[in-house]
Amino acid sequence: TDVTTVLWSLVVMSDDDDFFCHDAFRDDFRQVVGQFALRIEDVFAAMQGNECIGEEQRARSPRSPRSRLDNELDRSDMCMLHQFFLSCAVDQRFSQAVGAPGCDMHRVRQLYEPRCKKAFLETLSAASDTQKRVRDVMVNHMHLNVDSEFRCERSGYSIDMRATSCTSPAVWYVEVNGPSHYFAGQNRGKLGATRLKERHFELLGHQLVTVPYWDWDLMGY
């Protein structure tokens, strides 16, 4: 829905240091987020009511596509909400901008965060060919212990690889970023989803190593 897309976009933009510089903007931001919180609560309530309706009754009263958009959140919406809620949990500055601990959005987050995280965890991921080659080098040449598609319990993110060494207590999380992680063209700026994932990992205190595809291609493996 438009609500979840706007909330997700606000999270992505909040990594800019100028995002919360102006008092008027912060006030508008908090007001909009509060309104969205009530809308999200209404949609979840409608979804819960729909889940209580039997299949036979649903067949007798089919809803239009417009009604579905108004009264339901699909998995993509749930995943965007999870990332918004995660920022509220791990980014103190963002959480304070959203509102006081008892505000509508933080209350809604407490109610529906588990359901959104469940949808996020159910999102499937698969290793790319480049990722497999990187893993082979890490295992056979660097002699690291590597877990592929490692799931971060706190955030719910699937990480390409989690690497450890017998000679060090350090843990490295490795992301192999292919072309789909960047804007097209010479700039090669990271897309919002990639920026957000990396920022969440930084806030969680994880040591993240990113491998851009053009750097890997130059290595000739």
C-alpha atoms as a PDB file:
ATOM      1  CA  THR A   1       0.000   0.000   0.000  1.00  0.00           C
ATOM      2  CA  ASP A   2       0.997   3.651  -0.279  1.00  0.00           C
ATOM      3  CA  VAL A   3       1.275   3.916   3.506  1.00  0.00           C
ATOM      4  CA  THR A   4       3.895   1.189   3.851  1.00  0.00           C
ATOM      5  CA  THR A   5       5.834   2.470   0.827  1.00  0.00           C
ATOM      6  CA  VAL A   6       6.004   5.990   2.279  1.00  0.00           C
ATOM      7  CA  LEU A   7       7.077   4.715   5.706  1.00  0.00           C
ATOM      8  CA  TRP A   8       9.788   2.555   4.133  1.00  0.00           C
ATOM      9  CA  SER A   9      11.002   5.483   2.025  1.00  0.00           C
ATOM     10  CA  LEU A  10      11.234   7.671   5.134  1.00  0.00           C
ATOM     11  CA  VAL A  11      13.417   5.061   6.813  1.00  0.00           C
ATOM     12  CA  VAL A  12      15.730   4.906   3.796  1.00  0.00           C
ATOM     13  CA  MET A  13      16.070   8.691   3.643  1.00  0.00           C
ATOM     14  CA  SER A  14      16.733   8.995   7.374  1.00  0.00           C
ATOM     15  CA  ASP A  15      20.397   7.997   6.929  1.00  0.00           C
ATOM     16  CA  ASP A  16      21.003  11.526   5.607  1.00  0.00           C
ATOM     17  CA  ASP A  17      22.383  13.719   8.407  1.00  0.00           C
ATOM     18  CA  ASP A  18      20.162  16.595   7.252  1.00  0.00           C
ATOM     19  CA  PHE A  19      16.967  14.530   7.532  1.00  0.00           C
ATOM     20  CA  PHE A  20      16.050  15.719  11.048  1.00  0.00           C
ATOM     21  CA  CYS A  21      17.750  19.125  11.022  1.00  0.00           C
ATOM     22  CA  HIS A  22      14.634  21.293  10.794  1.00  0.00           C
ATOM     23  CA  ASP A  23      12.128  21.500  13.640  1.00  0.00           C
ATOM     24  CA  ALA A  24       9.199  22.094  11.283  1.00  0.00           C
ATOM     25  CA  PHE A  25      10.059  18.991   9.293  1.00  0.00           C
ATOM     26  CA  ARG A  26      10.346  16.894  12.447  1.00  0.00           C
ATOM     27  CA  ASP A  27       6.908  18.067  13.570  1.00  0.00           C
ATOM     28  CA  ASP A  28       5.374  17.235  10.182  1.00  0.00           C
ATOM     29  CA  PHE A  29       7.158  13.875  10.146  1.00  0.00           C
ATOM     30  CA  ARG A  30       5.795  12.943  13.562  1.00  0.00           C
ATOM     31  CA  GLN A  31       2.278  13.997  12.594  1.00  0.00           C
ATOM     32  CA  VAL A  32       2.288  11.978   9.376  1.00  0.00           C
ATOM     33  CA  VAL A  33       3.718   8.898  11.104  1.00  0.00           C
ATOM     34  CA  GLY A  34       1.049   9.165  13.802  1.00  0.00           C
ATOM     35  CA  GLN A  35      -1.708   9.280  11.198  1.00  0.00           C
ATOM     36  CA  PHE A  36      -0.206   6.299   9.394  1.00  0.00           C
ATOM     37  CA  ALA A  37      -0.060   4.360  12.660  1.00  0.00           C
ATOM     38  CA  LEU A  38      -3.820   4.626  13.072  1.00  0.00           C
ATOM     39  CA  ARG A  39      -4.338   3.598   9.453  1.00  0.00           C
ATOM     40  CA  ILE A  40      -2.095   0.547   9.908  1.00  0.00           C
ATOM     41  CA  GLU A  41      -3.997  -0.416  13.046  1.00  0.00           C
ATOM     42  CA  ASP A  42      -7.291  -0.193  11.141  1.00  0.00           C
ATOM     43  CA  VAL A  43      -5.947  -2.384   8.333  1.00  0.00           C
ATOM     44  CA  PHE A  44      -4.667  -5.046  10.736  1.00  0.00           C
ATOM     45  CA  ALA A  45      -8.032  -5.032  12.500  1.00  0.00           C
ATOM     46  CA  ALA A  46      -9.801  -5.482   9.159  1.00  0.00           C
ATOM     47  CA  MET A  47      -7.426  -8.307   8.224  1.00  0.00           C
ATOM     48  CA  GLN A  48      -8.105 -10.041  11.527  1.00  0.00           C
ATOM     49  CA  GLY A  49     -11.822  -9.770  10.867  1.00  0.00           C
ATOM     50  CA  ASN A  50     -11.400 -11.158   7.356  1.00  0.00           C
ATOM     51  CA  GLU A  51      -9.425 -14.108   8.703  1.00  0.00           C
ATOM     52  CA  CYS A  52     -12.383 -15.008  10.904  1.00  0.00           C
ATOM     53  CA  ILE A  53     -14.715 -15.214   7.904  1.00  0.00           C
ATOM     54  CA  GLY A  54     -15.162 -18.695   6.494  1.00  0.00           C
ATOM     55  CA  GLU A  55     -14.181 -19.598   2.943  1.00  0.00           C
ATOM     56  CA  GLU A  56     -17.826 -20.177   2.007  1.00  0.00           C
ATOM     57  CA  GLN A  57     -18.835 -16.698   3.118  1.00  0.00           C
ATOM     58  CA  ARG A  58     -15.865 -15.171   1.274  1.00  0.00           C
ATOM     59  CA  ALA A  59     -16.930 -16.955  -1.886  1.00  0.00           C
ATOM     60  CA  ARG A  60     -20.446 -15.526  -1.571  1.00  0.00           C
ATOM     61  CA  SER A  61     -19.105 -11.986  -1.009  1.00  0.00           C
ATOM     62  CA  PRO A  62     -15.933 -11.575  -3.073  1.00  0.00           C
ATOM     63  CA  ARG A  63     -14.070  -8.343  -2.504  1.00  0.00           C
ATOM     64  CA  SER A  64     -12.965  -6.125  -5.324  1.00  0.00           C
ATOM     65  CA  PRO A  65      -9.261  -5.498  -6.016  1.00  0.00           C
ATOM     66  CA  ARG A  66      -9.685  -1.976  -4.625  1.00  0.00           C
ATOM     67  CA  SER A  67     -11.129  -3.387  -1.396  1.00  0.00           C
ATOM     68  CA  ARG A  68      -8.176  -5.748  -1.066  1.00  0.00           C
ATOM     69  CA  LEU A  69      -5.768  -2.837  -1.331  1.00  0.00           C
ATOM     70  CA  ASP A  70      -7.722  -0.872   1.252  1.00  0.00           C
ATOM     71  CA  ASN A  71      -8.120  -3.647   3.800  1.00  0.00           C
ATOM     72  CA  GLU A  72      -5.134  -5.952   3.500  1.00  0.00           C
ATOM     73  CA  LEU A  73      -1.356  -5.894   3.637  1.00  0.00           C
ATOM     74  CA  ASP A  74       0.536  -8.337   1.454  1.00  0.00           C
ATOM     75  CA  ARG A  75       3.914  -9.853   2.320  1.00  0.00           C
ATOM     76  CA  SER A  76       5.796  -6.984   0.695  1.00  0.00           C
ATOM     77  CA  ASP A  77       3.906  -4.498   2.860  1.00  0.00           C
ATOM     78  CA  MET A  78       4.652  -6.558   5.966  1.00  0.00           C
ATOM     79  CA  CYS A  79       8.363  -6.663   5.105  1.00  0.00           C
ATOM     80  CA  MET A  80       8.533  -2.892   4.672  1.00  0.00           C
ATOM     81  CA  LEU A  81       6.757  -2.421   7.992  1.00  0.00           C
ATOM     82  CA  HIS A  82       9.207  -4.801   9.643  1.00  0.00           C
ATOM     83  CA  GLN A  83      12.117  -2.677   8.449  1.00  0.00           C
ATOM     84  CA  PHE A  84      10.383   0.474   9.680  1.00  0.00           C
ATOM     85  CA  PHE A  85       9.755  -1.137  13.076  1.00  0.00           C
ATOM     86  CA  LEU A  86      13.361  -2.371  13.161  1.00  0.00           C
ATOM     87  CA  SER A  87      14.632   1.175  12.682  1.00  0.00           C
ATOM     88  CA  CYS A  88      12.413   2.274  15.560  1.00  0.00           C
ATOM     89  CA  ALA A  89      14.028  -0.441  17.696  1.00  0.00           C
ATOM     90  CA  VAL A  90      17.716   0.002  16.826  1.00  0.00           C
ATOM     91  CA  ASP A  91      18.057   3.635  15.686  1.00  0.00           C
ATOM     92  CA  GLN A  92      17.588   5.892  18.713  1.00  0.00           C
ATOM     93  CA  ARG A  93      17.486   9.094  16.691  1.00  0.00           C
ATOM     94  CA  PHE A  94      14.833   7.702  14.352  1.00  0.00           C
ATOM     95  CA  SER A  95      12.812   6.300  17.251  1.00  0.00           C
ATOM     96  CA  GLN A  96      12.776   9.677  18.993  1.00  0.00           C
ATOM     97  CA  ALA A  97      11.705  11.376  15.768  1.00  0.00           C
ATOM     98  CA  VAL A  98       8.786   8.957  15.433  1.00  0.00           C
ATOM     99  CA  GLY A  99       7.504   9.962  18.878  1.00  0.00           C
ATOM    100  CA  ALA A 100       7.530   9.353  22.596  1.00  0.00           C
ATOM    101  CA  PRO A 101       7.502   5.721  23.795  1.00  0.00           C
ATOM    102  CA  GLY A 102       3.726   5.741  24.274  1.00  0.00           C
ATOM    103  CA  CYS A 103       2.819   7.331  20.940  1.00  0.00           C
ATOM    104  CA  ASP A 104       0.511   5.647  18.441  1.00  0.00           C
ATOM    105  CA  MET A 105       3.279   4.341  16.179  1.00  0.00           C
ATOM    106  CA  HIS A 106       5.324   2.800  18.975  1.00  0.00           C
ATOM    107  CA  ARG A 107       2.137   1.261  20.371  1.00  0.00           C
ATOM    108  CA  VAL A 108       1.268  -0.188  16.955  1.00  0.00           C
ATOM    109  CA  ARG A 109       4.837  -1.469  16.626  1.00  0.00           C
ATOM    110  CA  GLN A 110       4.536  -3.395  19.880  1.00  0.00           C
ATOM    111  CA  LEU A 111       1.291  -4.961  18.695  1.00  0.00           C
ATOM    112  CA  TYR A 112       2.226  -5.975  15.163  1.00  0.00           C
ATOM    113  CA  GLU A 113       6.019  -6.230  15.061  1.00  0.00           C
ATOM    114  CA  PRO A 114       5.995 -10.052  15.546  1.00  0.00           C
ATOM    115  CA  ARG A 115       3.582 -10.581  12.670  1.00  0.00           C
ATOM    116  CA  CYS A 116       5.595  -8.388  10.316  1.00  0.00           C
ATOM    117  CA  LYS A 117       8.850 -10.058  11.305  1.00  0.00           C
ATOM    118  CA  LYS A 118       7.301 -13.469  10.630  1.00  0.00           C
ATOM    119  CA  ALA A 119       6.486 -12.365   7.075  1.00  0.00           C
ATOM    120  CA  PHE A 120      10.028 -11.031   6.688  1.00  0.00           C
ATOM    121  CA  LEU A 121      11.517 -14.331   7.872  1.00  0.00           C
ATOM    122  CA  GLU A 122       9.407 -16.242   5.353  1.00  0.00           C
ATOM    123  CA  THR A 123      11.011 -14.375   2.448  1.00  0.00           C
ATOM    124  CA  LEU A 124      13.187 -16.838   0.563  1.00  0.00           C
ATOM    125  CA  SER A 125      16.674 -16.126  -0.729  1.00  0.00           C
ATOM    126  CA  ALA A 126      19.112 -18.141  -2.804  1.00  0.00           C
ATOM    127  CA  ALA A 127      22.862 -17.886  -3.366  1.00  0.00           C
ATOM    128  CA  SER A 128      23.953 -16.370  -6.675  1.00  0.00           C
ATOM    129  CA  ASP A 129      26.722 -17.879  -8.806  1.00  0.00           C
ATOM    130  CA  THR A 130      29.050 -15.040  -7.780  1.00  0.00           C
ATOM    131  CA  GLN A 131      28.253 -15.631  -4.138  1.00  0.00           C
ATOM    132  CA  LYS A 132      29.120 -19.307  -4.529  1.00  0.00           C
ATOM    133  CA  ARG A 133      32.480 -18.413  -6.096  1.00  0.00           C
ATOM    134  CA  VAL A 134      33.250 -15.981  -3.293  1.00  0.00           C
ATOM    135  CA  ARG A 135      32.422 -18.668  -0.769  1.00  0.00           C
ATOM    136  CA  ASP A 136      34.747 -21.157  -2.490  1.00  0.00           C
ATOM    137  CA  VAL A 137      37.634 -18.707  -2.245  1.00  0.00           C
ATOM    138  CA  MET A 138      36.903 -17.966   1.404  1.00  0.00           C
ATOM    139  CA  VAL A 139      36.800 -21.660   2.278  1.00  0.00           C
ATOM    140  CA  ASN A 140      39.581 -23.074   0.058  1.00  0.00           C
ATOM    141  CA  HIS A 141      42.045 -20.173  -0.059  1.00  0.00           C
ATOM    142  CA  MET A 142      41.382 -18.186   3.099  1.00  0.00           C
ATOM    143  CA  HIS A 143      40.532 -21.270   5.186  1.00  0.00           C
ATOM    144  CA  LEU A 144      37.515 -19.656   6.824  1.00  0.00           C
ATOM    145  CA  ASN A 145      34.432 -21.369   8.177  1.00  0.00           C
ATOM    146  CA  VAL A 146      31.499 -20.083   6.158  1.00  0.00           C
ATOM    147  CA  ASP A 147      27.749 -20.375   6.710  1.00  0.00           C
ATOM    148  CA  SER A 148      25.776 -19.395   3.614  1.00  0.00           C
ATOM    149  CA  GLU A 149      22.438 -17.585   3.756  1.00  0.00           C
ATOM    150  CA  PHE A 150      22.867 -16.962   7.458  1.00  0.00           C
ATOM    151  CA  ARG A 151      19.767 -15.587   9.160  1.00  0.00           C
ATOM    152  CA  CYS A 152      20.334 -12.776  11.673  1.00  0.00           C
ATOM    153  CA  GLU A 153      18.045 -13.573  14.580  1.00  0.00           C
ATOM    154  CA  ARG A 154      17.727  -9.989  15.822  1.00  0.00           C
ATOM    155  CA  SER A 155      16.948  -8.304  12.517  1.00  0.00           C
ATOM    156  CA  GLY A 156      15.549 -11.192  10.479  1.00  0.00           C
ATOM    157  CA  TYR A 157      17.845 -10.378   7.550  1.00  0.00           C
ATOM    158  CA  SER A 158      19.329 -13.162   5.472  1.00  0.00           C
ATOM    159  CA  ILE A 159      23.057 -12.506   5.074  1.00  0.00           C
ATOM    160  CA  ASP A 160      24.959 -13.986   2.152  1.00  0.00           C
ATOM    161  CA  MET A 161      27.685 -15.422   4.389  1.00  0.00           C
ATOM    162  CA  ARG A 162      28.802 -15.542   8.000  1.00  0.00           C
ATOM    163  CA  ALA A 163      32.531 -16.227   8.284  1.00  0.00           C
ATOM    164  CA  THR A 164      34.617 -17.254  11.269  1.00  0.00           C
ATOM    165  CA  SER A 165      38.225 -18.346  11.719  1.00  0.00           C
ATOM    166  CA  CYS A 166      39.893 -20.873  13.996  1.00  0.00           C
ATOM    167  CA  THR A 167      42.615 -18.311  14.716  1.00  0.00           C
ATOM    168  CA  SER A 168      40.422 -15.336  15.617  1.00  0.00           C
ATOM    169  CA  PRO A 169      37.267 -14.700  17.679  1.00  0.00           C
ATOM    170  CA  ALA A 170      36.050 -12.214  15.070  1.00  0.00           C
ATOM    171  CA  VAL A 171      32.886 -12.802  13.067  1.00  0.00           C
ATOM    172  CA  TRP A 172      32.470 -11.311   9.602  1.00  0.00           C
ATOM    173  CA  TYR A 173      29.199 -10.930   7.748  1.00  0.00           C
ATOM    174  CA  VAL A 174      29.731 -10.835   4.001  1.00  0.00           C
ATOM    175  CA  GLU A 175      27.368  -9.449   1.377  1.00  0.00           C
ATOM    176  CA  VAL A 176      28.109 -10.012  -2.316  1.00  0.00           C
ATOM    177  CA  ASN A 177      26.477  -7.093  -4.098  1.00  0.00           C
ATOM    178  CA  GLY A 178      25.540  -7.802  -7.694  1.00  0.00           C
ATOM    179  CA  PRO A 179      24.251  -5.267 -10.250  1.00  0.00           C
ATOM    180  CA  SER A 180      20.742  -5.371  -8.741  1.00  0.00           C
ATOM    181  CA  HIS A 181      22.093  -3.626  -5.627  1.00  0.00           C
ATOM    182  CA  TYR A 182      23.082  -0.471  -7.536  1.00  0.00           C
ATOM    183  CA  PHE A 183      21.646   2.201  -9.780  1.00  0.00           C
ATOM    184  CA  ALA A 184      22.550   1.847 -13.428  1.00  0.00           C
ATOM    185  CA  GLY A 185      25.225   4.099 -14.870  1.00  0.00           C
ATOM    186  CA  GLN A 186      28.663   5.272 -13.867  1.00  0.00           C
ATOM    187  CA  ASN A 187      27.670   6.511 -10.412  1.00  0.00           C
ATOM    188  CA  ARG A 188      26.889   3.001  -9.059  1.00  0.00           C
ATOM    189  CA  GLY A 189      25.031   4.410  -6.075  1.00  0.00           C
ATOM    190  CA  LYS A 190      23.494   1.804  -3.792  1.00  0.00           C
ATOM    191  CA  LEU A 191      19.760   1.267  -3.952  1.00  0.00           C
ATOM    192  CA  GLY A 192      17.653   2.088  -0.913  1.00  0.00           C
ATOM    193  CA  ALA A 193      17.161  -1.529   0.142  1.00  0.00           C
ATOM    194  CA  THR A 194      20.910  -2.140   0.161  1.00  0.00           C
ATOM    195  CA  ARG A 195      21.648   1.057   2.091  1.00  0.00           C
ATOM    196  CA  LEU A 196      18.985   0.243   4.649  1.00  0.00           C
ATOM    197  CA  LYS A 197      20.217  -3.293   5.244  1.00  0.00           C
ATOM    198  CA  GLU A 198      23.803  -2.103   5.704  1.00  0.00           C
ATOM    199  CA  ARG A 199      22.715   0.645   8.086  1.00  0.00           C
ATOM    200  CA  HIS A 200      20.698  -1.765  10.189  1.00  0.00           C
ATOM    201  CA  PHE A 201      23.703  -4.069  10.463  1.00  0.00           C
ATOM    202  CA  GLU A 202      25.921  -1.178  11.486  1.00  0.00           C
ATOM    203  CA  LEU A 203      23.432  -0.141  14.167  1.00  0.00           C
ATOM    204  CA  LEU A 204      23.324  -3.725  15.425  1.00  0.00           C
ATOM    205  CA  GLY A 205      27.106  -3.659  15.820  1.00  0.00           C
ATOM    206  CA  HIS A 206      27.880  -6.310  13.213  1.00  0.00           C
ATOM    207  CA  GLN A 207      31.058  -6.193  11.138  1.00  0.00           C
ATOM    208  CA  LEU A 208      29.785  -6.200   7.559  1.00  0.00           C
ATOM    209  CA  VAL A 209      32.049  -6.713   4.554  1.00  0.00           C
ATOM    210  CA  THR A 210      30.589  -5.881   1.157  1.00  0.00           C
ATOM    211  CA  VAL A 211      31.972  -7.282  -2.085  1.00  0.00           C
ATOM    212  CA  PRO A 212      30.864  -5.173  -5.109  1.00  0.00           C
ATOM    213  CA  TYR A 213      30.560  -7.266  -8.239  1.00  0.00           C
ATOM    214  CA  TRP A 214      32.995  -5.088 -10.265  1.00  0.00           C
ATOM    215  CA  ASP A 215      35.729  -5.568  -7.661  1.00  0.00           C
ATOM    216  CA  TRP A 216      35.174  -9.325  -7.692  1.00  0.00           C
ATOM    217  CA  ASP A 217      35.243  -9.442 -11.483  1.00  0.00           C
ATOM    218  CA  LEU A 218      38.675  -7.765 -11.480  1.00  0.00           C
ATOM    219  CA  MET A 219      40.071 -10.526  -9.269  1.00  0.00           C
ATOM    220  CA  GLY A 220      39.574 -13.090 -12.035  1.00  0.00           C
ATOM    221  CA  TYR A 221      38.184 -15.995 -10.006  1.00  0.00           C
END
